Amino acid sequence: MISYPNIDPIAISVGPIAVHWYGIMYLVGFAGAYFLGMYRAKRSNGLWTPEMVGDVIFYGALGVILGGRIGYILFYQFPAFVDNPLIMVRIWEGGMSFHGGLLGVIVAMFFFARRYKQHLVDVTDFLAPFVPIGLGAGRLGNFIGGELWGKPTDVSWAMIFPADPLQLARHPSQLYQFALEGVALFCVLWFFSQKSKPRYGVSGLFLLCYGTFRILVEFVRQPDAQIGYLAFGWLTQGQLLSLPMVIMGAGLMVAGFKMKAFPGMSASK
């Protein structure tokens, strides 16, 4: 067993103001996406400008925060929300959902695409390779905060998390997700998108890979206490929400390579 590092989740504290590592990780994700977006924009032959990059990150940040919070309440806290709708605004209590954030970003990208008269999927294809930076940083934030741990296990790298009331040795599933959703997903998408790919291809690969990685990790991640397993003694809410991503991602990739429509081609606008 490996000792949990027990890092203080509060990175900076000045009087009553406390800045948590989890919040800093959000900033790392948005900053990383911005700088990578600027790098790619310079090589887009004029399809993307610095102004567009700044705006797409701003729209995306709004989508992540609003969608992530709303999604968490609807997907994981709906009975509590029905009893007390005010929990929606209690952001200091924590609670964000990736799947809600994804839906929020899609809505935000729709409005961005309308403003700049772009094809929606051209926007998501451009943005998708940068998303794993935020996902990976967020999972490190979960690990530092000692939350969203894995199931009990006897593997040699198991850890006991201070907030675990049972004090059991568990899978550090946050690190698994960091490695898959952050590092592996970034590498796959970055190299896949190095050269121009058919429209839908990059977005489809993002959905396919993330959905697959999330489904796999959920087998060793402790399910949310208020929901538990949905069926069969192993099916979780995270797996149920990720399965459509796998199906849609595969469908988008097939459609993209079959249509062979590339960004900027007037026939596919």
Protein backbone atom coordinates (compact mmCIF):
# COMPACT_ATOMS: atom_id res chain seq x y z
CA MET A 1 0.00 0.00 0.00
CA ILE A 2 1.15 3.57 -0.76
CA SER A 3 0.61 6.37 1.73
CA TYR A 4 -1.78 9.05 0.55
CA PRO A 5 0.19 12.35 0.36
CA ASN A 6 -2.55 14.19 2.28
CA ILE A 7 -2.03 17.54 0.56
CA ASP A 8 -3.95 20.46 2.02
CA PRO A 9 -6.85 21.03 -0.42
CA ILE A 10 -6.57 24.76 0.27
CA ALA A 11 -3.71 26.14 -1.81
CA ILE A 12 -3.85 29.75 -0.65
CA SER A 13 -5.59 31.25 2.38
CA VAL A 14 -5.77 34.97 3.14
CA GLY A 15 -8.05 35.74 6.07
CA PRO A 16 -11.53 34.40 5.30
CA ILE A 17 -10.65 33.87 1.63
CA ALA A 18 -9.51 30.37 0.71
CA VAL A 19 -8.45 29.24 -2.75
CA HIS A 20 -8.75 25.48 -3.25
CA TRP A 21 -6.52 23.43 -5.51
CA TYR A 22 -9.62 22.23 -7.36
CA GLY A 23 -10.39 25.80 -8.43
CA ILE A 24 -6.80 26.32 -9.50
CA MET A 25 -7.03 23.20 -11.64
CA TYR A 26 -9.95 24.73 -13.51
CA LEU A 27 -7.77 27.74 -14.28
CA VAL A 28 -4.96 25.44 -15.43
CA GLY A 29 -7.38 23.70 -17.78
CA PHE A 30 -8.71 26.91 -19.31
CA ALA A 31 -5.22 28.45 -19.60
CA GLY A 32 -3.83 25.30 -21.21
CA ALA A 33 -6.69 25.23 -23.71
CA TYR A 34 -6.12 28.89 -24.54
CA PHE A 35 -2.40 28.56 -25.26
CA LEU A 36 -2.83 25.36 -27.27
CA GLY A 37 -5.68 27.01 -29.16
CA MET A 38 -3.47 29.98 -30.01
CA TYR A 39 -0.76 27.59 -31.19
CA ARG A 40 -3.18 25.74 -33.47
CA ALA A 41 -4.80 28.98 -34.68
CA LYS A 42 -1.46 30.19 -36.08
CA ARG A 43 -1.37 27.05 -38.22
CA SER A 44 -4.99 27.14 -39.38
CA ASN A 45 -4.39 29.16 -42.56
CA GLY A 46 -6.66 31.92 -41.32
CA LEU A 47 -9.59 29.71 -40.29
CA TRP A 48 -9.05 30.70 -36.64
CA THR A 49 -7.96 34.07 -35.27
CA PRO A 50 -6.67 35.00 -31.78
CA GLU A 51 -10.00 36.73 -31.10
CA MET A 52 -11.91 33.57 -31.97
CA VAL A 53 -9.68 31.48 -29.68
CA GLY A 54 -10.24 33.83 -26.75
CA ASP A 55 -13.99 33.82 -27.33
CA VAL A 56 -14.28 30.05 -27.74
CA ILE A 57 -12.45 29.49 -24.45
CA PHE A 58 -14.73 32.02 -22.73
CA TYR A 59 -17.86 30.36 -24.12
CA GLY A 60 -16.47 26.96 -23.20
CA ALA A 61 -15.72 28.06 -19.62
CA LEU A 62 -19.31 29.22 -19.18
CA GLY A 63 -20.58 25.94 -20.60
CA VAL A 64 -18.35 23.86 -18.32
CA ILE A 65 -19.27 25.71 -15.13
CA LEU A 66 -23.01 26.12 -15.72
CA GLY A 67 -23.51 22.77 -17.43
CA GLY A 68 -21.31 20.94 -14.93
CA ARG A 69 -23.27 22.26 -11.96
CA ILE A 70 -26.72 21.79 -13.49
CA GLY A 71 -25.77 18.33 -14.72
CA TYR A 72 -24.51 17.26 -11.30
CA ILE A 73 -27.76 18.29 -9.64
CA LEU A 74 -29.98 16.67 -12.28
CA PHE A 75 -27.93 13.49 -12.74
CA TYR A 76 -26.79 12.86 -9.17
CA GLN A 77 -28.87 14.97 -6.76
CA PHE A 78 -32.29 15.19 -8.41
CA PRO A 79 -34.37 13.97 -5.43
CA ALA A 80 -32.61 16.47 -3.17
CA PHE A 81 -33.19 19.18 -5.79
CA VAL A 82 -36.92 18.43 -5.86
CA ASP A 83 -37.03 18.77 -2.08
CA ASN A 84 -34.94 21.95 -2.07
CA PRO A 85 -34.24 23.68 -5.44
CA LEU A 86 -31.85 26.11 -3.73
CA ILE A 87 -29.14 23.44 -3.64
CA MET A 88 -28.51 24.37 -7.29
CA VAL A 89 -26.78 27.57 -6.19
CA ARG A 90 -24.86 26.09 -3.25
CA ILE A 91 -21.68 25.85 -5.27
CA TRP A 92 -19.52 26.09 -2.13
CA GLU A 93 -20.73 22.57 -1.24
CA GLY A 94 -19.07 21.20 -4.39
CA GLY A 95 -20.49 18.96 -7.08
CA MET A 96 -19.73 19.07 -10.81
CA SER A 97 -20.59 16.59 -13.54
CA PHE A 98 -18.45 15.97 -16.61
CA HIS A 99 -21.44 14.88 -18.67
CA GLY A 100 -23.36 17.99 -17.67
CA GLY A 101 -20.32 20.11 -18.49
CA LEU A 102 -20.08 18.43 -21.91
CA LEU A 103 -23.70 19.26 -22.70
CA GLY A 104 -23.10 22.80 -21.47
CA VAL A 105 -20.08 23.18 -23.76
CA ILE A 106 -22.04 21.88 -26.75
CA VAL A 107 -24.75 24.48 -26.12
CA ALA A 108 -22.11 27.19 -25.69
CA MET A 109 -20.38 26.13 -28.92
CA PHE A 110 -23.71 26.35 -30.75
CA PHE A 111 -23.97 30.03 -29.84
CA PHE A 112 -20.29 30.61 -30.63
CA ALA A 113 -20.72 28.97 -34.04
CA ARG A 114 -23.76 31.14 -34.80
CA ARG A 115 -21.88 34.29 -33.86
CA TYR A 116 -18.95 33.50 -36.13
CA LYS A 117 -21.01 31.76 -38.82
CA GLN A 118 -19.08 28.51 -38.39
CA HIS A 119 -20.14 24.90 -38.73
CA LEU A 120 -20.78 23.66 -35.17
CA VAL A 121 -18.65 20.53 -35.62
CA ASP A 122 -15.76 22.54 -37.07
CA VAL A 123 -15.73 24.34 -33.72
CA THR A 124 -15.90 21.16 -31.63
CA ASP A 125 -13.26 19.49 -33.81
CA PHE A 126 -10.94 22.43 -33.13
CA LEU A 127 -11.67 22.49 -29.39
CA ALA A 128 -11.70 18.75 -28.60
CA PRO A 129 -7.90 18.18 -28.45
CA PHE A 130 -7.57 20.82 -25.72
CA VAL A 131 -10.27 19.44 -23.42
CA PRO A 132 -8.11 16.65 -21.87
CA ILE A 133 -5.88 19.32 -20.28
CA GLY A 134 -8.81 20.42 -18.13
CA LEU A 135 -9.99 16.86 -17.54
CA GLY A 136 -6.58 15.75 -16.33
CA ALA A 137 -6.13 18.82 -14.13
CA GLY A 138 -9.59 18.28 -12.66
CA ARG A 139 -8.80 14.69 -11.72
CA LEU A 140 -5.63 15.84 -9.98
CA GLY A 141 -7.84 18.28 -8.10
CA ASN A 142 -10.09 15.38 -7.07
CA PHE A 143 -7.04 13.46 -5.84
CA ILE A 144 -5.68 16.38 -3.84
CA GLY A 145 -9.13 16.91 -2.35
CA GLY A 146 -9.28 13.22 -1.39
CA GLU A 147 -12.63 12.71 -3.13
CA LEU A 148 -14.13 10.38 -5.72
CA TRP A 149 -11.90 7.49 -4.64
CA GLY A 150 -12.04 3.93 -5.89
CA LYS A 151 -13.31 0.64 -4.54
CA PRO A 152 -11.54 -1.30 -1.79
CA THR A 153 -8.64 -3.34 -3.14
CA ASP A 154 -5.47 -5.19 -2.13
CA VAL A 155 -3.26 -3.97 -4.98
CA SER A 156 0.16 -2.75 -3.90
CA TRP A 157 -0.57 0.86 -4.91
CA ALA A 158 -3.81 1.13 -2.93
CA MET A 159 -4.32 4.16 -0.67
CA ILE A 160 -6.35 5.07 2.38
CA PHE A 161 -8.06 8.43 1.92
CA PRO A 162 -8.48 10.56 5.06
CA ALA A 163 -12.12 11.40 4.31
CA ASP A 164 -13.10 7.75 3.86
CA PRO A 165 -15.24 6.88 6.91
CA LEU A 166 -14.36 3.18 6.54
CA GLN A 167 -10.61 3.85 6.21
CA LEU A 168 -10.15 1.09 3.66
CA ALA A 169 -7.31 0.66 1.18
CA ARG A 170 -8.78 1.76 -2.15
CA HIS A 171 -7.93 2.20 -5.81
CA PRO A 172 -6.66 5.76 -6.46
CA SER A 173 -9.17 5.97 -9.29
CA GLN A 174 -8.65 9.72 -9.63
CA LEU A 175 -5.12 8.98 -10.86
CA TYR A 176 -6.41 6.35 -13.26
CA GLN A 177 -8.73 8.97 -14.71
CA PHE A 178 -5.91 11.51 -14.85
CA ALA A 179 -3.82 9.03 -16.84
CA LEU A 180 -6.63 8.03 -19.22
CA GLU A 181 -8.87 11.11 -19.54
CA GLY A 182 -5.96 13.52 -19.28
CA VAL A 183 -2.68 12.13 -20.58
CA ALA A 184 -3.78 9.32 -22.90
CA LEU A 185 -6.75 11.20 -24.36
CA PHE A 186 -4.66 14.30 -25.00
CA CYS A 187 -1.95 12.30 -26.79
CA VAL A 188 -4.47 10.46 -28.95
CA LEU A 189 -6.41 13.58 -29.96
CA TRP A 190 -3.38 15.84 -30.39
CA PHE A 191 -1.55 13.50 -32.76
CA PHE A 192 -4.74 12.46 -34.55
CA SER A 193 -5.57 16.10 -35.27
CA GLN A 194 -2.04 17.14 -36.30
CA LYS A 195 -3.09 16.89 -39.93
CA SER A 196 -6.46 17.87 -41.32
CA LYS A 197 -9.13 15.26 -40.69
CA PRO A 198 -12.65 14.95 -42.08
CA ARG A 199 -15.31 16.91 -40.27
CA TYR A 200 -16.73 14.93 -37.29
CA GLY A 201 -13.54 12.87 -37.00
CA VAL A 202 -11.87 14.60 -34.04
CA SER A 203 -15.11 15.18 -32.14
CA GLY A 204 -16.10 11.59 -32.74
CA LEU A 205 -12.77 10.25 -31.51
CA PHE A 206 -13.05 12.39 -28.37
CA LEU A 207 -16.48 10.99 -27.53
CA LEU A 208 -15.46 7.42 -28.34
CA CYS A 209 -12.26 7.48 -26.28
CA TYR A 210 -13.59 9.40 -23.29
CA GLY A 211 -16.69 7.24 -23.09
CA THR A 212 -14.62 4.06 -23.25
CA PHE A 213 -12.09 5.27 -20.66
CA ARG A 214 -14.84 6.39 -18.27
CA ILE A 215 -16.73 3.11 -18.55
CA LEU A 216 -13.56 1.15 -17.77
CA VAL A 217 -12.57 3.27 -14.74
CA GLU A 218 -16.09 3.07 -13.31
CA PHE A 219 -15.49 -0.65 -12.67
CA VAL A 220 -12.94 0.29 -9.98
CA ARG A 221 -14.42 3.62 -8.86
CA GLN A 222 -16.70 3.78 -5.84
CA PRO A 223 -20.21 4.68 -7.04
CA ASP A 224 -21.92 7.76 -5.66
CA ALA A 225 -23.39 6.89 -2.26
CA GLN A 226 -26.77 8.49 -2.95
CA ILE A 227 -27.19 6.44 -6.15
CA GLY A 228 -25.14 3.26 -5.82
CA TYR A 229 -25.34 0.70 -8.61
CA LEU A 230 -28.18 1.03 -11.09
CA ALA A 231 -28.30 -2.64 -12.16
CA PHE A 232 -26.47 -5.99 -12.18
CA GLY A 233 -24.44 -5.03 -9.12
CA TRP A 234 -21.93 -3.12 -11.27
CA LEU A 235 -23.67 -0.65 -13.63
CA THR A 236 -23.08 2.93 -12.50
CA GLN A 237 -24.57 6.27 -13.47
CA GLY A 238 -21.24 7.25 -15.01
CA GLN A 239 -21.27 4.19 -17.27
CA LEU A 240 -24.88 4.78 -18.29
CA LEU A 241 -24.12 8.37 -19.24
CA SER A 242 -20.92 7.39 -21.08
CA LEU A 243 -22.39 4.63 -23.24
CA PRO A 244 -24.20 7.07 -25.59
CA MET A 245 -20.88 8.88 -26.01
CA VAL A 246 -19.22 5.71 -27.29
CA ILE A 247 -22.05 5.01 -29.72
CA MET A 248 -22.27 8.60 -30.95
CA GLY A 249 -18.50 8.92 -31.22
CA ALA A 250 -18.20 5.82 -33.38
CA GLY A 251 -21.09 7.03 -35.51
CA LEU A 252 -19.54 10.46 -36.03
CA MET A 253 -16.20 8.97 -37.06
CA VAL A 254 -17.84 6.64 -39.58
CA ALA A 255 -19.94 9.50 -40.96
CA GLY A 256 -16.95 11.84 -41.16
CA PHE A 257 -14.66 9.50 -43.06
CA LYS A 258 -17.53 8.38 -45.30
CA MET A 259 -18.50 11.97 -46.20
CA LYS A 260 -14.87 13.11 -46.46
CA ALA A 261 -15.98 16.69 -45.82
CA PHE A 262 -13.20 18.94 -44.54
CA PRO A 263 -13.51 22.25 -42.67
CA GLY A 264 -13.74 25.18 -45.04
CA MET A 265 -15.28 23.20 -47.93
CA SER A 266 -18.31 25.15 -49.11
CA ALA A 267 -20.13 22.00 -50.19
CA SER A 268 -20.33 20.81 -46.59
CA LYS A 269 -21.40 24.07 -44.96
